Amino acid sequence: MSTAVSHPDETLTKDRSWVDEFPGAITVCDAEGKILEMNRTAADNFAADGGTKLIGTNALDCHPEPARTRLKQLLETKQLNVYTIEKKGVRKLIYQSPWYEAGNYAGFVELSLAIPTEIPHFSRD
């Protein structure tokens, strides 16, 4: 069931069921790196590491070096980080972005999206 929320620019919805149905992995952590939320795809991707049992743990503890140091740096500097990886023959776009609550830095959101080997690029100038 959807509940509309008053917003100065638009009507937003509190129905978050789309997050669990989204085919990409979504993981949210706070400013210290504690995992707050993950959708079903993220839980499935990290099943061998505990899946949803990772909620409440620190994402820094889940990353080996040098990724751990890079994540710590991102949390401290609040910088966007975007790159691609290939794992088990699947290419993925990793998009790590700071998120804000009431204008205050609150942590990071990581999106992990499976992508095709070749991606068309369109310039829309």
Protein backbone atom coordinates (compact mmCIF):
# COMPACT_ATOMS: atom_id res chain seq x y z
CA MET A 1 0.00 0.00 0.00
CA SER A 2 1.34 3.39 -0.94
CA THR A 3 1.20 6.47 1.25
CA ALA A 4 1.81 9.89 -0.29
CA VAL A 5 4.24 12.19 1.50
CA SER A 6 4.00 15.94 1.16
CA HIS A 7 7.09 17.39 -0.51
CA PRO A 8 7.65 20.95 -1.75
CA ASP A 9 8.51 19.81 -5.28
CA GLU A 10 6.52 16.62 -5.80
CA THR A 11 4.53 13.86 -4.20
CA LEU A 12 6.76 11.04 -2.99
CA THR A 13 5.66 7.60 -1.96
CA LYS A 14 6.46 5.69 1.22
CA ASP A 15 5.83 2.39 -0.56
CA ARG A 16 9.32 0.98 -0.80
CA SER A 17 8.42 -2.45 -2.23
CA TRP A 18 10.08 -1.47 -5.51
CA VAL A 19 13.43 -1.46 -3.69
CA ASP A 20 13.25 -5.19 -2.97
CA GLU A 21 12.03 -5.93 -6.49
CA PHE A 22 14.77 -3.83 -8.12
CA PRO A 23 17.10 -6.17 -10.05
CA GLY A 24 20.26 -4.32 -8.97
CA ALA A 25 21.85 -4.61 -5.54
CA ILE A 26 21.24 -1.67 -3.19
CA THR A 27 23.20 -1.43 0.06
CA VAL A 28 22.96 1.54 2.43
CA CYS A 29 25.40 2.34 5.22
CA ASP A 30 25.68 5.16 7.74
CA ALA A 31 28.52 7.69 7.97
CA GLU A 32 30.67 5.24 9.95
CA GLY A 33 30.08 2.37 7.52
CA LYS A 34 27.44 0.42 9.48
CA ILE A 35 25.14 -1.36 7.05
CA LEU A 36 21.60 -0.05 7.57
CA GLU A 37 19.68 -1.65 4.71
CA MET A 38 20.05 -3.92 1.72
CA ASN A 39 17.54 -5.04 -0.83
CA ARG A 40 16.86 -8.64 -1.80
CA THR A 41 19.38 -8.61 -4.66
CA ALA A 42 22.15 -7.33 -2.37
CA ALA A 43 21.26 -9.93 0.26
CA ASP A 44 21.40 -12.65 -2.42
CA ASN A 45 24.74 -11.32 -3.74
CA PHE A 46 26.22 -11.43 -0.22
CA ALA A 47 24.51 -14.68 0.86
CA ALA A 48 27.84 -16.46 1.37
CA ASP A 49 28.87 -13.65 3.74
CA GLY A 50 25.62 -13.72 5.72
CA GLY A 51 23.10 -11.91 3.47
CA THR A 52 20.74 -9.82 5.60
CA LYS A 53 22.71 -10.81 8.71
CA LEU A 54 25.24 -8.23 7.52
CA ILE A 55 22.76 -5.48 8.47
CA GLY A 56 24.14 -3.87 11.61
CA THR A 57 27.74 -4.85 10.84
CA ASN A 58 30.36 -2.50 9.46
CA ALA A 59 30.99 -2.57 5.71
CA LEU A 60 34.66 -1.83 6.38
CA ASP A 61 34.94 -5.27 7.98
CA CYS A 62 33.61 -6.87 4.78
CA HIS A 63 36.29 -5.39 2.53
CA PRO A 64 39.88 -6.62 2.19
CA GLU A 65 42.71 -4.18 1.47
CA PRO A 66 43.03 -2.02 -0.57
CA ALA A 67 39.21 -1.76 -0.89
CA ARG A 68 38.87 -1.22 2.88
CA THR A 69 41.14 1.83 2.83
CA ARG A 70 39.34 3.18 -0.25
CA LEU A 71 35.92 2.78 1.41
CA LYS A 72 37.18 4.48 4.58
CA GLN A 73 38.46 7.35 2.44
CA LEU A 74 35.08 7.64 0.68
CA LEU A 75 33.23 7.74 4.00
CA GLU A 76 35.54 10.49 5.25
CA THR A 77 35.65 12.62 2.09
CA LYS A 78 32.04 12.00 1.00
CA GLN A 79 33.14 11.55 -2.62
CA LEU A 80 31.30 9.76 -5.39
CA ASN A 81 33.00 6.56 -6.60
CA VAL A 82 32.01 4.85 -9.86
CA TYR A 83 33.72 1.92 -11.57
CA THR A 84 33.08 -1.39 -13.34
CA ILE A 85 34.09 -4.91 -12.33
CA GLU A 86 33.80 -8.38 -13.78
CA LYS A 87 33.08 -11.29 -11.44
CA LYS A 88 32.25 -14.84 -12.53
CA GLY A 89 31.80 -13.62 -16.11
CA VAL A 90 29.29 -10.89 -15.16
CA ARG A 91 30.21 -7.26 -15.69
CA LYS A 92 28.84 -4.81 -13.15
CA LEU A 93 28.67 -1.07 -12.71
CA ILE A 94 29.40 -0.12 -9.10
CA TYR A 95 28.05 3.29 -8.10
CA GLN A 96 28.87 4.44 -4.58
CA SER A 97 27.37 7.76 -3.59
CA PRO A 98 26.98 9.74 -0.38
CA TRP A 99 23.38 10.15 0.80
CA TYR A 100 21.91 12.90 2.92
CA GLU A 101 19.10 13.21 5.43
CA ALA A 102 17.63 16.67 6.01
CA GLY A 103 20.68 18.09 4.24
CA ASN A 104 23.17 16.33 6.54
CA TYR A 105 25.62 13.69 5.35
CA ALA A 106 24.26 10.32 6.48
CA GLY A 107 26.47 7.72 4.77
CA PHE A 108 26.77 5.89 1.46
CA VAL A 109 24.53 4.04 -0.94
CA GLU A 110 26.07 1.41 -3.19
CA LEU A 111 24.32 0.29 -6.36
CA SER A 112 25.65 -2.79 -8.13
CA LEU A 113 24.12 -3.23 -11.57
CA ALA A 114 24.80 -6.05 -14.02
CA ILE A 115 25.72 -4.57 -17.39
CA PRO A 116 26.28 -6.02 -20.87
CA THR A 117 29.81 -6.37 -22.23
CA GLU A 118 29.18 -3.61 -24.74
CA ILE A 119 27.11 -0.58 -23.78
CA PRO A 120 25.91 1.94 -26.34
CA HIS A 121 26.81 5.53 -25.52
CA PHE A 122 24.68 8.37 -26.82
CA SER A 123 25.72 12.01 -26.77
CA ARG A 124 22.64 14.15 -26.24
CA ASP A 125 24.11 17.62 -26.68
